[in-house]
Amino acid sequence: MRTITYIVIIIPCLLLNSSFQQNGNDTELIPYQEITIGCLNRWQGVYGENVIQNQSEYNELLKHRSPHPNCISYRLPEIDFSKHTLIGYVFSIGITPPPGKYSQQIIKKYNTYIIEINLNIEKTGLFPYHISKWFLIPKVEDDSTIIFNMTIGND
């Protein structure tokens, strides 16, 4: 009986200690998986920042399908929205050629997700360069805030 008593006391203490350690660091780097979503008309409905939480919202993307003949039968990649949230951003910037360096990271601080996008351009030009990025992250809670933070600079 003595062994069981010690185990019953030690296990709750270990669990309590691990929860304090997790809360001690208020930021977390969130893993993501970049996916390709093609055949979208960049100028209709998807331009800007996108947060998609369910299949119904995801299917709405097809309303903005490109009229190109190769896109008529395009199907969106399968996503399990019980496990993932789809984040996307679509924008244009007046540069030619494409950016020299590009990076992104997702940071969670408390209940806020910050999408950090860093774009270093080598030179500007007259013609727009279109950037369309989509990625899956672990399911975001309904009461979370998502902030897109883009930095554009020159090297």
Foldseek 3Di string as FASTA:
>chain_A
DVVVVVVVVVVVVVVVVVVVVVVVDQKDWFDKFWDDDDQFDCVPDQAAKDKAQDPVSVVVRVVRGHPPPVGPPDDGDDDDSVWKIKIKHKDKDQAPPAFPDWDWTWMGGHQEIEIEIETAHADGHHDIDMDIIMIITTRRDPPGHYHYHYDYYYD
